[in-house]
C-alpha cells in the first residue's frame, strides 16, 4: 500500500480586553472578547493492494470558527461580603466536507463516504455568586443559567439530514468552609456540571480507515 498527502493549515486568533475600576478596591467590570478561526485542507491519493487492489482520492476541507465574549462584574461590599456576576456568549462553528471517489461495501450496500457537515453551537449564559465570611465560617453561594442551541445540516451518502435542538440548564453551587485552626480547614462543597457531546459524537458521518 502507498499514499501521498498534501495539506495546508491556517489559523488566526484575536482578543480584546477592557477593565474599568470604580472608586474602591475590588469594584470593577471586565470585558473579554476572543475570536479564532482555522482552515485545514487535506488532499490524499491512496493506492492499496491489500485486501484488494484499489486506488482513490480524498479531498478534505475543515473550517472552525470560535467566538467568546465575557462581561464580569465584581463588588466587595462593606460587611465582608462580595458579589460577582456576569454574562457570556460563546459560539462554536464547524464546516467540514469530504469529497472522494472511494466506495465502501457494507452488508452488501454500497456507501459513498463523501459528505458535507455544517454545525453551529451557541451558548448564552449568566451567573451570580455571593461570598460572605462570619468569623471562622465562610460561604459562597451561586447559580449559573445556560441556554445552548445546536443547529446543523449534513449530506451523507446522498441523503440530507438536520440537527436542531435547544436546552436550558441551571448550575447551582455552594461552598462552605470552617477554620478549625490556623493550619486546618473543613469544607463542604456542592456543584453541578454537564458533559455535552462534541461535534464528533453528533456527526452522523461514519469514519473509515
N, C-alpha and C. Protein backbone atom coordinates (compact mmCIF):
# COMPACT_ATOMS: atom_id res chain seq x y z
N UNK A 1 0.84 -1.19 0.00
CA UNK A 1 0.00 0.00 0.00
C UNK A 1 0.88 1.25 0.00
N UNK A 2 0.43 2.29 -0.68
CA UNK A 2 1.16 3.56 -0.72
C UNK A 2 0.16 4.70 -0.65
N UNK A 3 0.64 5.85 -0.22
CA UNK A 3 -0.24 7.01 -0.10
C UNK A 3 0.58 8.28 -0.26
N UNK A 4 -0.10 9.33 -0.67
CA UNK A 4 0.52 10.63 -0.84
C UNK A 4 -0.41 11.69 -0.25
N UNK A 5 0.14 12.62 0.54
CA UNK A 5 -0.66 13.63 1.23
C UNK A 5 -0.18 15.02 0.85
N UNK A 6 -1.13 15.92 0.73
CA UNK A 6 -0.82 17.33 0.51
C UNK A 6 -1.83 18.16 1.31
N UNK A 7 -1.33 19.02 2.20
CA UNK A 7 -2.25 19.76 3.06
C UNK A 7 -1.76 21.14 3.41
N UNK A 8 -2.67 21.95 3.94
CA UNK A 8 -2.34 23.31 4.34
C UNK A 8 -3.18 23.66 5.56
N UNK A 9 -2.54 24.25 6.59
CA UNK A 9 -3.23 24.61 7.82
C UNK A 9 -3.00 26.09 8.09
N UNK A 10 -4.10 26.82 8.29
CA UNK A 10 -4.02 28.25 8.60
C UNK A 10 -4.91 28.55 9.80
N UNK A 11 -4.43 29.45 10.67
CA UNK A 11 -5.23 29.81 11.84
C UNK A 11 -4.97 31.26 12.20
N UNK A 12 -5.99 31.89 12.84
CA UNK A 12 -5.90 33.28 13.29
C UNK A 12 -6.56 33.39 14.66
N UNK A 13 -5.97 34.23 15.53
CA UNK A 13 -6.52 34.48 16.86
C UNK A 13 -6.55 35.98 17.12
N UNK A 14 -7.68 36.44 17.69
CA UNK A 14 -7.83 37.85 18.03
C UNK A 14 -8.43 37.95 19.43
N UNK A 15 -8.00 38.93 20.19
CA UNK A 15 -8.55 39.12 21.54
C UNK A 15 -8.67 40.60 21.86
N UNK A 16 -9.66 40.94 22.71
CA UNK A 16 -9.89 42.30 23.16
C UNK A 16 -10.18 42.26 24.65
N UNK A 17 -9.49 43.12 25.41
CA UNK A 17 -9.65 43.15 26.87
C UNK A 17 -9.87 44.58 27.33
N UNK A 18 -10.85 44.76 28.23
CA UNK A 18 -11.14 46.08 28.78
C UNK A 18 -11.52 45.92 30.25
N UNK A 19 -10.98 46.78 31.11
CA UNK A 19 -11.29 46.75 32.53
C UNK A 19 -11.56 48.16 33.02
N UNK A 20 -12.65 48.32 33.77
CA UNK A 20 -12.99 49.61 34.38
C UNK A 20 -13.03 49.45 35.89
N UNK A 21 -12.14 50.15 36.60
CA UNK A 21 -12.12 50.16 38.06
C UNK A 21 -12.96 51.32 38.59
N UNK A 22 -13.73 51.06 39.63
CA UNK A 22 -14.55 52.10 40.23
C UNK A 22 -13.83 52.72 41.43
N UNK A 23 -14.57 53.38 42.31
CA UNK A 23 -13.95 54.23 43.33
C UNK A 23 -13.43 53.47 44.54
N UNK A 24 -13.44 52.17 44.54
CA UNK A 24 -12.90 51.42 45.68
C UNK A 24 -12.29 50.12 45.19
N UNK A 25 -11.53 49.47 46.07
CA UNK A 25 -10.85 48.24 45.69
C UNK A 25 -11.87 47.12 45.45
N UNK A 26 -11.54 46.21 44.55
CA UNK A 26 -12.38 45.06 44.22
C UNK A 26 -13.78 45.48 43.79
N UNK A 27 -13.86 46.58 43.05
CA UNK A 27 -15.13 47.01 42.46
C UNK A 27 -14.83 47.38 41.01
N UNK A 28 -15.15 46.48 40.10
CA UNK A 28 -14.76 46.68 38.71
C UNK A 28 -15.67 45.90 37.77
N UNK A 29 -15.50 46.20 36.52
CA UNK A 29 -16.18 45.48 35.44
C UNK A 29 -15.13 45.16 34.38
N UNK A 30 -15.19 43.93 33.86
CA UNK A 30 -14.17 43.45 32.91
C UNK A 30 -14.87 42.87 31.67
N UNK A 31 -14.39 43.27 30.50
CA UNK A 31 -14.88 42.73 29.24
C UNK A 31 -13.75 42.01 28.54
N UNK A 32 -13.97 40.75 28.20
CA UNK A 32 -13.01 39.94 27.45
C UNK A 32 -13.70 39.41 26.20
N UNK A 33 -13.08 39.58 25.04
CA UNK A 33 -13.62 39.06 23.79
C UNK A 33 -12.51 38.31 23.07
N UNK A 34 -12.88 37.15 22.51
CA UNK A 34 -11.88 36.30 21.83
C UNK A 34 -12.51 35.72 20.58
N UNK A 35 -11.74 35.72 19.49
CA UNK A 35 -12.19 35.13 18.23
C UNK A 35 -11.04 34.37 17.60
N UNK A 36 -11.33 33.17 17.12
CA UNK A 36 -10.31 32.38 16.43
C UNK A 36 -10.94 31.69 15.23
N UNK A 37 -10.15 31.49 14.21
CA UNK A 37 -10.62 30.76 13.03
C UNK A 37 -9.46 29.96 12.46
N UNK A 38 -9.79 28.82 11.91
CA UNK A 38 -8.77 27.96 11.32
C UNK A 38 -9.36 27.26 10.09
N UNK A 39 -8.48 26.91 9.19
CA UNK A 39 -8.87 26.21 7.97
C UNK A 39 -7.82 25.16 7.65
N UNK A 40 -8.28 23.94 7.42
CA UNK A 40 -7.38 22.83 7.13
C UNK A 40 -7.82 22.16 5.84
N UNK A 41 -6.97 22.19 4.83
CA UNK A 41 -7.25 21.48 3.58
C UNK A 41 -6.28 20.31 3.47
N UNK A 42 -6.81 19.19 3.02
CA UNK A 42 -6.02 17.95 3.02
C UNK A 42 -6.45 17.11 1.82
N UNK A 43 -5.50 16.85 0.93
CA UNK A 43 -5.75 16.01 -0.25
C UNK A 43 -4.89 14.76 -0.16
N UNK A 44 -5.52 13.60 -0.42
CA UNK A 44 -4.82 12.32 -0.28
C UNK A 44 -5.05 11.47 -1.53
N UNK A 45 -3.98 10.81 -1.97
CA UNK A 45 -4.06 9.84 -3.05
C UNK A 45 -3.62 8.49 -2.48
N UNK A 46 -4.50 7.51 -2.58
CA UNK A 46 -4.27 6.21 -1.94
C UNK A 46 -4.21 5.12 -3.01
N UNK A 47 -3.19 4.28 -2.89
CA UNK A 47 -3.06 3.09 -3.73
C UNK A 47 -2.91 1.89 -2.83
N UNK A 48 -3.94 1.05 -2.78
CA UNK A 48 -3.95 -0.12 -1.91
C UNK A 48 -3.86 -1.40 -2.74
N UNK A 49 -3.10 -2.33 -2.22
CA UNK A 49 -3.02 -3.65 -2.85
C UNK A 49 -3.59 -4.75 -1.95
N UNK A 50 -3.89 -4.39 -0.69
CA UNK A 50 -4.46 -5.36 0.26
C UNK A 50 -5.50 -4.67 1.12
N UNK A 51 -6.64 -5.26 1.37
CA UNK A 51 -7.08 -6.62 1.00
C UNK A 51 -7.55 -6.74 -0.44
N UNK A 52 -7.63 -5.58 -1.14
CA UNK A 52 -7.99 -5.60 -2.55
C UNK A 52 -7.26 -4.46 -3.24
N UNK A 53 -7.12 -4.59 -4.56
CA UNK A 53 -6.48 -3.53 -5.33
C UNK A 53 -7.48 -2.38 -5.50
N UNK A 54 -7.09 -1.21 -5.02
CA UNK A 54 -7.99 -0.06 -5.09
C UNK A 54 -7.16 1.23 -5.07
N UNK A 55 -7.53 2.15 -5.95
CA UNK A 55 -6.92 3.49 -5.97
C UNK A 55 -8.03 4.52 -5.87
N UNK A 56 -7.83 5.52 -5.02
CA UNK A 56 -8.85 6.55 -4.85
C UNK A 56 -8.22 7.81 -4.27
N UNK A 57 -8.98 8.88 -4.28
CA UNK A 57 -8.51 10.13 -3.70
C UNK A 57 -9.50 10.60 -2.64
N UNK A 58 -9.00 11.46 -1.74
CA UNK A 58 -9.84 12.12 -0.73
C UNK A 58 -9.46 13.59 -0.68
N UNK A 59 -10.45 14.46 -0.72
CA UNK A 59 -10.24 15.90 -0.61
C UNK A 59 -11.03 16.38 0.59
N UNK A 60 -10.33 16.80 1.65
CA UNK A 60 -10.96 17.21 2.90
C UNK A 60 -10.78 18.72 3.09
N UNK A 61 -11.84 19.35 3.59
CA UNK A 61 -11.82 20.80 3.83
C UNK A 61 -12.54 21.06 5.15
N UNK A 62 -11.80 21.50 6.17
CA UNK A 62 -12.37 21.72 7.50
C UNK A 62 -12.16 23.17 7.91
N UNK A 63 -13.25 23.82 8.34
CA UNK A 63 -13.20 25.19 8.82
C UNK A 63 -13.80 25.25 10.22
N UNK A 64 -13.13 25.98 11.13
CA UNK A 64 -13.60 26.11 12.51
C UNK A 64 -13.51 27.57 12.93
N UNK A 65 -14.62 28.11 13.44
CA UNK A 65 -14.66 29.48 13.98
C UNK A 65 -15.15 29.41 15.42
N UNK A 66 -14.47 30.12 16.32
CA UNK A 66 -14.86 30.17 17.73
C UNK A 66 -14.94 31.63 18.20
N UNK A 67 -16.02 31.95 18.91
CA UNK A 67 -16.21 33.28 19.48
C UNK A 67 -16.53 33.13 20.97
N UNK A 68 -15.93 33.98 21.80
CA UNK A 68 -16.26 34.00 23.23
C UNK A 68 -16.21 35.44 23.73
N UNK A 69 -17.29 35.89 24.38
CA UNK A 69 -17.36 37.23 24.94
C UNK A 69 -17.82 37.11 26.39
N UNK A 70 -17.03 37.63 27.33
CA UNK A 70 -17.36 37.62 28.75
C UNK A 70 -17.49 39.05 29.27
N UNK A 71 -18.51 39.27 30.09
CA UNK A 71 -18.68 40.53 30.80
C UNK A 71 -18.86 40.21 32.28
N UNK A 72 -17.88 40.58 33.12
CA UNK A 72 -17.86 40.19 34.53
C UNK A 72 -17.86 41.43 35.42
N UNK A 73 -18.63 41.35 36.50
CA UNK A 73 -18.75 42.44 37.45
C UNK A 73 -18.42 41.93 38.85
N UNK A 74 -17.60 42.69 39.60
CA UNK A 74 -17.21 42.34 40.96
C UNK A 74 -17.41 43.55 41.87
N UNK A 75 -17.97 43.28 43.08
CA UNK A 75 -18.18 44.36 44.04
C UNK A 75 -17.97 43.82 45.45
N UNK A 76 -16.92 44.32 46.11
CA UNK A 76 -16.65 43.98 47.51
C UNK A 76 -17.42 44.94 48.40
N UNK A 77 -18.43 44.43 49.12
CA UNK A 77 -19.26 45.32 49.94
C UNK A 77 -18.69 45.43 51.34
N UNK A 78 -19.19 46.39 52.13
CA UNK A 78 -18.54 46.81 53.36
C UNK A 78 -18.50 45.74 54.45
N UNK A 79 -19.52 44.92 54.58
CA UNK A 79 -19.58 43.99 55.70
C UNK A 79 -18.83 42.69 55.45
N UNK A 80 -17.96 42.68 54.45
CA UNK A 80 -17.17 41.49 54.18
C UNK A 80 -17.72 40.61 53.09
N UNK A 81 -18.90 40.93 52.59
CA UNK A 81 -19.48 40.16 51.50
C UNK A 81 -18.92 40.58 50.15
N UNK A 82 -19.10 39.71 49.18
CA UNK A 82 -18.60 40.01 47.85
C UNK A 82 -19.59 39.47 46.82
N UNK A 83 -19.92 40.31 45.84
CA UNK A 83 -20.86 39.92 44.79
C UNK A 83 -20.10 39.82 43.47
N UNK A 84 -20.32 38.71 42.78
CA UNK A 84 -19.75 38.52 41.45
C UNK A 84 -20.89 38.13 40.51
N UNK A 85 -20.93 38.76 39.34
CA UNK A 85 -21.98 38.46 38.36
C UNK A 85 -21.39 38.62 36.97
N UNK A 86 -22.03 37.97 36.00
CA UNK A 86 -21.51 38.09 34.66
C UNK A 86 -22.40 37.49 33.60
N UNK A 87 -22.06 37.83 32.36
CA UNK A 87 -22.75 37.32 31.17
C UNK A 87 -21.70 36.74 30.23
N UNK A 88 -22.11 35.75 29.46
CA UNK A 88 -21.18 35.15 28.50
C UNK A 88 -21.92 34.71 27.24
N UNK A 89 -21.27 34.92 26.10
CA UNK A 89 -21.74 34.38 24.82
C UNK A 89 -20.60 33.59 24.20
N UNK A 90 -20.92 32.37 23.75
CA UNK A 90 -19.93 31.53 23.06
C UNK A 90 -20.56 30.94 21.80
N UNK A 91 -19.75 30.82 20.78
CA UNK A 91 -20.20 30.17 19.56
C UNK A 91 -19.09 29.29 19.00
N UNK A 92 -19.45 28.06 18.67
CA UNK A 92 -18.54 27.11 18.04
C UNK A 92 -19.14 26.74 16.68
N UNK A 93 -18.42 27.04 15.62
CA UNK A 93 -18.94 26.83 14.28
C UNK A 93 -17.99 25.95 13.48
N UNK A 94 -18.52 24.88 12.88
CA UNK A 94 -17.72 23.95 12.10
C UNK A 94 -18.33 23.75 10.72
N UNK A 95 -17.48 23.73 9.72
CA UNK A 95 -17.91 23.47 8.34
C UNK A 95 -16.92 22.47 7.76
N UNK A 96 -17.35 21.22 7.66
CA UNK A 96 -16.46 20.12 7.25
C UNK A 96 -17.00 19.45 5.99
N UNK A 97 -16.12 19.14 5.08
CA UNK A 97 -16.53 18.44 3.87
C UNK A 97 -15.49 17.40 3.48
N UNK A 98 -15.96 16.34 2.86
CA UNK A 98 -15.09 15.27 2.35
C UNK A 98 -15.61 14.87 0.98
N UNK A 99 -14.75 14.94 -0.02
CA UNK A 99 -15.08 14.51 -1.37
C UNK A 99 -14.13 13.38 -1.75
N UNK A 100 -14.68 12.25 -2.17
CA UNK A 100 -13.85 11.10 -2.53
C UNK A 100 -14.55 10.27 -3.60
N UNK A 101 -13.74 9.60 -4.41
CA UNK A 101 -14.31 8.65 -5.38
C UNK A 101 -14.26 7.22 -4.84
N UNK A 102 -13.91 7.08 -3.57
CA UNK A 102 -13.90 5.76 -2.93
C UNK A 102 -15.34 5.33 -2.62
N UNK A 103 -15.62 4.07 -2.76
CA UNK A 103 -16.91 3.49 -2.42
C UNK A 103 -16.67 2.29 -1.51
N UNK A 104 -17.50 2.16 -0.47
CA UNK A 104 -17.29 1.12 0.54
C UNK A 104 -18.50 0.22 0.60
N UNK A 105 -18.29 -1.09 0.57
CA UNK A 105 -19.36 -2.07 0.63
C UNK A 105 -19.57 -2.48 2.08
N UNK A 106 -20.77 -2.25 2.62
CA UNK A 106 -21.14 -2.64 3.98
C UNK A 106 -22.45 -3.41 3.94
N UNK A 107 -22.40 -4.67 4.34
CA UNK A 107 -23.60 -5.53 4.34
C UNK A 107 -24.28 -5.51 2.97
N UNK A 108 -23.45 -5.67 1.93
CA UNK A 108 -23.93 -5.71 0.55
C UNK A 108 -24.59 -4.41 0.09
N UNK A 109 -24.28 -3.31 0.79
CA UNK A 109 -24.78 -2.00 0.39
C UNK A 109 -23.58 -1.10 0.07
N UNK A 110 -23.60 -0.47 -1.09
CA UNK A 110 -22.50 0.39 -1.50
C UNK A 110 -22.71 1.78 -0.91
N UNK A 111 -21.73 2.26 -0.14
CA UNK A 111 -21.82 3.54 0.54
C UNK A 111 -20.84 4.53 -0.07
N UNK A 112 -21.33 5.75 -0.28
CA UNK A 112 -20.49 6.87 -0.74
C UNK A 112 -20.12 7.70 0.49
N UNK A 113 -18.86 7.67 0.93
CA UNK A 113 -18.47 8.40 2.15
C UNK A 113 -18.41 9.92 1.98
N UNK A 114 -18.55 10.44 0.79
CA UNK A 114 -18.50 11.89 0.59
C UNK A 114 -19.57 12.56 1.44
N UNK A 115 -19.19 13.69 2.02
CA UNK A 115 -20.13 14.34 2.94
C UNK A 115 -19.87 15.83 3.03
N UNK A 116 -20.88 16.54 3.51
CA UNK A 116 -20.75 17.95 3.87
C UNK A 116 -21.52 18.13 5.17
N UNK A 117 -20.84 18.57 6.23
CA UNK A 117 -21.45 18.68 7.55
C UNK A 117 -21.19 20.06 8.12
N UNK A 118 -22.26 20.82 8.36
CA UNK A 118 -22.18 22.17 8.95
C UNK A 118 -22.85 22.13 10.31
N UNK A 119 -22.15 22.65 11.32
CA UNK A 119 -22.69 22.58 12.68
C UNK A 119 -22.32 23.84 13.45
N UNK A 120 -23.31 24.41 14.15
CA UNK A 120 -23.10 25.60 14.97
C UNK A 120 -23.71 25.38 16.35
N UNK A 121 -22.94 25.69 17.38
CA UNK A 121 -23.43 25.60 18.76
C UNK A 121 -23.26 26.97 19.42
N UNK A 122 -24.38 27.51 19.95
CA UNK A 122 -24.38 28.80 20.62
C UNK A 122 -24.67 28.60 22.11
N UNK A 123 -23.97 29.38 22.93
CA UNK A 123 -24.21 29.40 24.38
C UNK A 123 -24.54 30.82 24.82
N UNK A 124 -25.60 30.97 25.61
CA UNK A 124 -25.91 32.23 26.26
C UNK A 124 -26.02 31.93 27.76
N UNK A 125 -25.21 32.57 28.57
CA UNK A 125 -25.20 32.21 29.99
C UNK A 125 -25.07 33.45 30.86
N UNK A 126 -25.57 33.31 32.10
CA UNK A 126 -25.48 34.37 33.11
C UNK A 126 -25.25 33.71 34.46
N UNK A 127 -24.47 34.39 35.32
CA UNK A 127 -24.18 33.81 36.64
C UNK A 127 -24.15 34.89 37.69
N UNK A 128 -24.37 34.48 38.95
CA UNK A 128 -24.21 35.37 40.08
C UNK A 128 -23.70 34.55 41.26
N UNK A 129 -22.70 35.07 41.96
CA UNK A 129 -22.14 34.44 43.16
C UNK A 129 -22.13 35.45 44.30
N UNK A 130 -22.34 34.92 45.51
CA UNK A 130 -22.25 35.78 46.69
C UNK A 130 -21.34 35.11 47.71
N UNK A 131 -20.30 35.84 48.14
CA UNK A 131 -19.34 35.36 49.13
C UNK A 131 -19.53 36.13 50.44
N UNK A 132 -19.45 35.40 51.54
CA UNK A 132 -19.59 36.04 52.85
C UNK A 132 -18.78 35.25 53.87
N UNK A 133 -18.19 35.98 54.82
CA UNK A 133 -17.43 35.34 55.88
C UNK A 133 -17.91 35.86 57.23
N UNK A 134 -18.17 34.90 58.15
CA UNK A 134 -18.60 35.23 59.51
C UNK A 134 -17.59 34.62 60.48
N UNK A 135 -16.59 35.37 60.87
CA UNK A 135 -15.57 34.83 61.75
C UNK A 135 -14.83 33.68 61.09
N UNK A 136 -14.95 32.48 61.67
CA UNK A 136 -14.27 31.30 61.12
C UNK A 136 -15.08 30.60 60.04
N UNK A 137 -16.31 31.03 59.86
CA UNK A 137 -17.19 30.37 58.91
C UNK A 137 -17.27 31.21 57.63
N UNK A 138 -17.14 30.53 56.48
CA UNK A 138 -17.24 31.21 55.20
C UNK A 138 -18.15 30.47 54.25
N UNK A 139 -18.75 31.19 53.33
CA UNK A 139 -19.65 30.54 52.37
C UNK A 139 -19.60 31.26 51.03
N UNK A 140 -19.90 30.51 50.00
CA UNK A 140 -20.10 31.07 48.67
C UNK A 140 -21.28 30.36 48.03
N UNK A 141 -22.29 31.10 47.65
CA UNK A 141 -23.48 30.54 47.01
C UNK A 141 -23.60 31.15 45.62
N UNK A 142 -23.95 30.32 44.65
CA UNK A 142 -24.04 30.83 43.29
C UNK A 142 -24.96 30.01 42.42
N UNK A 143 -25.33 30.59 41.30
CA UNK A 143 -26.12 29.87 40.30
C UNK A 143 -25.75 30.40 38.93
N UNK A 144 -25.75 29.52 37.97
CA UNK A 144 -25.44 29.85 36.58
C UNK A 144 -26.55 29.28 35.69
N UNK A 145 -27.09 30.10 34.82
CA UNK A 145 -28.09 29.67 33.84
C UNK A 145 -27.45 29.66 32.47
N UNK A 146 -27.67 28.60 31.72
CA UNK A 146 -27.02 28.46 30.42
C UNK A 146 -28.00 27.93 29.38
N UNK A 147 -28.18 28.70 28.32
CA UNK A 147 -29.02 28.30 27.20
C UNK A 147 -28.10 27.86 26.07
N UNK A 148 -28.31 26.64 25.57
CA UNK A 148 -27.49 26.13 24.47
C UNK A 148 -28.38 25.82 23.28
N UNK A 149 -27.86 26.15 22.09
CA UNK A 149 -28.58 25.89 20.85
C UNK A 149 -27.66 25.16 19.88
N UNK A 150 -28.10 24.03 19.38
CA UNK A 150 -27.36 23.26 18.39
C UNK A 150 -28.12 23.28 17.07
N UNK A 151 -27.45 23.66 16.01
CA UNK A 151 -28.04 23.63 14.68
C UNK A 151 -27.03 23.05 13.70
N UNK A 152 -27.50 22.16 12.84
CA UNK A 152 -26.61 21.56 11.87
C UNK A 152 -27.37 20.99 10.68
N UNK A 153 -26.67 20.84 9.60
CA UNK A 153 -27.23 20.16 8.42
C UNK A 153 -26.11 19.37 7.76
N UNK A 154 -26.48 18.28 7.12
CA UNK A 154 -25.47 17.42 6.53
C UNK A 154 -26.03 16.70 5.32
N UNK A 155 -25.12 16.35 4.44
CA UNK A 155 -25.40 15.47 3.31
C UNK A 155 -24.41 14.32 3.40
N UNK A 156 -24.92 13.11 3.55
CA UNK A 156 -24.05 11.93 3.70
C UNK A 156 -24.68 10.77 2.93
N UNK A 157 -23.86 10.13 2.11
CA UNK A 157 -24.33 9.03 1.27
C UNK A 157 -25.55 9.47 0.45
N UNK A 158 -25.47 10.76 -0.02
CA UNK A 158 -26.51 11.37 -0.86
C UNK A 158 -27.84 11.52 -0.13
N UNK A 159 -27.81 11.53 1.20
CA UNK A 159 -29.02 11.76 1.99
C UNK A 159 -28.83 13.01 2.84
N UNK A 160 -29.90 13.78 3.00
CA UNK A 160 -29.84 15.04 3.73
C UNK A 160 -30.46 14.88 5.12
N UNK A 161 -29.87 15.52 6.10
CA UNK A 161 -30.39 15.47 7.46
C UNK A 161 -30.13 16.77 8.20
N UNK A 162 -30.79 16.91 9.38
CA UNK A 162 -30.69 18.15 10.14
C UNK A 162 -30.55 17.85 11.63
N UNK A 163 -29.88 18.77 12.35
CA UNK A 163 -29.80 18.76 13.81
C UNK A 163 -30.35 20.09 14.30
N UNK A 164 -31.32 20.05 15.20
CA UNK A 164 -31.92 21.29 15.72
C UNK A 164 -32.42 21.01 17.14
N UNK A 165 -31.72 21.52 18.12
CA UNK A 165 -32.16 21.32 19.49
C UNK A 165 -31.72 22.48 20.37
N UNK A 166 -32.50 22.71 21.41
CA UNK A 166 -32.27 23.83 22.32
C UNK A 166 -32.54 23.37 23.74
N UNK A 167 -31.70 23.82 24.69
CA UNK A 167 -31.83 23.34 26.06
C UNK A 167 -31.41 24.43 27.03
N UNK A 168 -32.16 24.55 28.14
CA UNK A 168 -31.83 25.48 29.21
C UNK A 168 -31.41 24.68 30.44
N UNK A 169 -30.22 24.98 30.98
CA UNK A 169 -29.70 24.28 32.15
C UNK A 169 -29.39 25.29 33.26
N UNK A 170 -29.55 24.82 34.51
CA UNK A 170 -29.19 25.61 35.68
C UNK A 170 -28.12 24.86 36.47
N UNK A 171 -27.10 25.61 36.94
CA UNK A 171 -25.98 25.01 37.64
C UNK A 171 -25.80 25.71 38.99
N UNK A 172 -26.42 25.19 40.04
CA UNK A 172 -26.23 25.79 41.37
C UNK A 172 -24.90 25.33 41.98
N UNK A 173 -24.37 26.12 42.91
CA UNK A 173 -23.14 25.74 43.60
C UNK A 173 -23.17 26.30 45.01
N UNK A 174 -22.52 25.58 45.92
CA UNK A 174 -22.42 26.01 47.32
C UNK A 174 -21.08 25.54 47.87
N UNK A 175 -20.33 26.45 48.47
CA UNK A 175 -19.03 26.15 49.08
C UNK A 175 -19.05 26.68 50.52
N UNK A 176 -18.94 25.77 51.47
CA UNK A 176 -18.95 26.13 52.89
C UNK A 176 -17.61 25.75 53.51
N UNK A 177 -17.03 26.65 54.31
CA UNK A 177 -15.74 26.38 54.95
C UNK A 177 -15.81 26.78 56.42
N UNK A 178 -14.98 26.08 57.22
CA UNK A 178 -14.87 26.41 58.65
C UNK A 178 -13.42 26.22 59.07
N UNK A 179 -12.83 27.26 59.67
CA UNK A 179 -11.44 27.21 60.10
C UNK A 179 -11.35 26.52 61.45
N UNK A 180 -10.83 25.30 61.45
CA UNK A 180 -10.66 24.55 62.69
C UNK A 180 -9.49 25.12 63.50
N UNK A 181 -8.43 25.48 62.80
CA UNK A 181 -7.26 26.07 63.44
C UNK A 181 -6.57 26.96 62.42
N UNK A 182 -5.40 27.52 62.79
CA UNK A 182 -4.67 28.37 61.85
C UNK A 182 -4.20 27.60 60.63
N UNK A 183 -3.98 26.29 60.78
CA UNK A 183 -3.46 25.48 59.69
C UNK A 183 -4.48 24.46 59.16
N UNK A 184 -5.68 24.43 59.72
CA UNK A 184 -6.65 23.44 59.30
C UNK A 184 -7.99 24.05 58.95
N UNK A 185 -8.66 23.47 57.96
CA UNK A 185 -9.94 23.97 57.50
C UNK A 185 -10.80 22.80 57.04
N UNK A 186 -12.07 22.84 57.35
CA UNK A 186 -13.03 21.84 56.90
C UNK A 186 -13.93 22.49 55.85
N UNK A 187 -14.18 21.77 54.76
CA UNK A 187 -15.00 22.35 53.69
C UNK A 187 -16.05 21.35 53.23
N UNK A 188 -17.18 21.87 52.78
CA UNK A 188 -18.27 21.08 52.21
C UNK A 188 -18.72 21.80 50.95
N UNK A 189 -18.61 21.11 49.81
CA UNK A 189 -18.88 21.74 48.53
C UNK A 189 -19.94 20.98 47.74
N UNK A 190 -20.70 21.71 46.95
CA UNK A 190 -21.67 21.11 46.03
C UNK A 190 -21.66 21.90 44.73
N UNK A 191 -21.66 21.20 43.61
CA UNK A 191 -21.78 21.87 42.32
C UNK A 191 -22.33 20.88 41.30
N UNK A 192 -22.87 21.39 40.23
CA UNK A 192 -23.43 20.58 39.16
C UNK A 192 -22.71 20.92 37.87
N UNK A 193 -22.39 19.87 37.11
CA UNK A 193 -21.72 20.07 35.83
C UNK A 193 -22.40 19.22 34.76
N UNK A 194 -22.09 19.51 33.52
CA UNK A 194 -22.65 18.75 32.41
C UNK A 194 -21.54 18.46 31.40
N UNK A 195 -21.59 17.28 30.82
CA UNK A 195 -20.63 16.88 29.79
C UNK A 195 -21.40 16.73 28.48
N UNK A 196 -21.35 17.77 27.65
CA UNK A 196 -22.12 17.75 26.41
C UNK A 196 -21.38 16.98 25.32
N UNK A 197 -22.12 16.36 24.41
CA UNK A 197 -21.45 15.67 23.28
C UNK A 197 -20.78 16.67 22.36
N UNK A 198 -19.61 16.30 21.87
CA UNK A 198 -18.89 17.16 20.94
C UNK A 198 -19.32 16.91 19.51
N UNK A 199 -18.72 17.65 18.59
CA UNK A 199 -19.12 17.56 17.19
C UNK A 199 -18.88 16.16 16.62
N UNK A 200 -17.80 15.50 17.07
CA UNK A 200 -17.53 14.16 16.55
C UNK A 200 -18.57 13.15 17.00
N UNK A 201 -19.17 13.37 18.18
CA UNK A 201 -20.22 12.47 18.65
C UNK A 201 -21.56 12.76 17.99
N UNK A 202 -21.80 14.02 17.63
CA UNK A 202 -23.06 14.39 16.99
C UNK A 202 -23.06 14.13 15.48
N UNK A 203 -21.89 14.07 14.89
CA UNK A 203 -21.81 13.89 13.44
C UNK A 203 -22.40 12.53 13.04
N UNK A 204 -23.28 12.52 12.04
CA UNK A 204 -23.85 11.25 11.56
C UNK A 204 -22.93 10.52 10.58
N UNK A 205 -21.76 11.09 10.33
CA UNK A 205 -20.87 10.54 9.31
C UNK A 205 -19.95 9.50 9.93
N UNK A 206 -19.95 8.33 9.36
CA UNK A 206 -19.05 7.28 9.81
C UNK A 206 -17.62 7.59 9.39
N UNK A 207 -16.66 7.13 10.19
CA UNK A 207 -15.26 7.32 9.87
C UNK A 207 -14.66 5.97 9.42
N UNK A 208 -13.97 6.00 8.29
CA UNK A 208 -13.39 4.77 7.73
C UNK A 208 -11.87 4.91 7.71
N UNK A 209 -11.19 3.83 8.04
CA UNK A 209 -9.73 3.85 7.96
C UNK A 209 -9.24 2.49 7.47
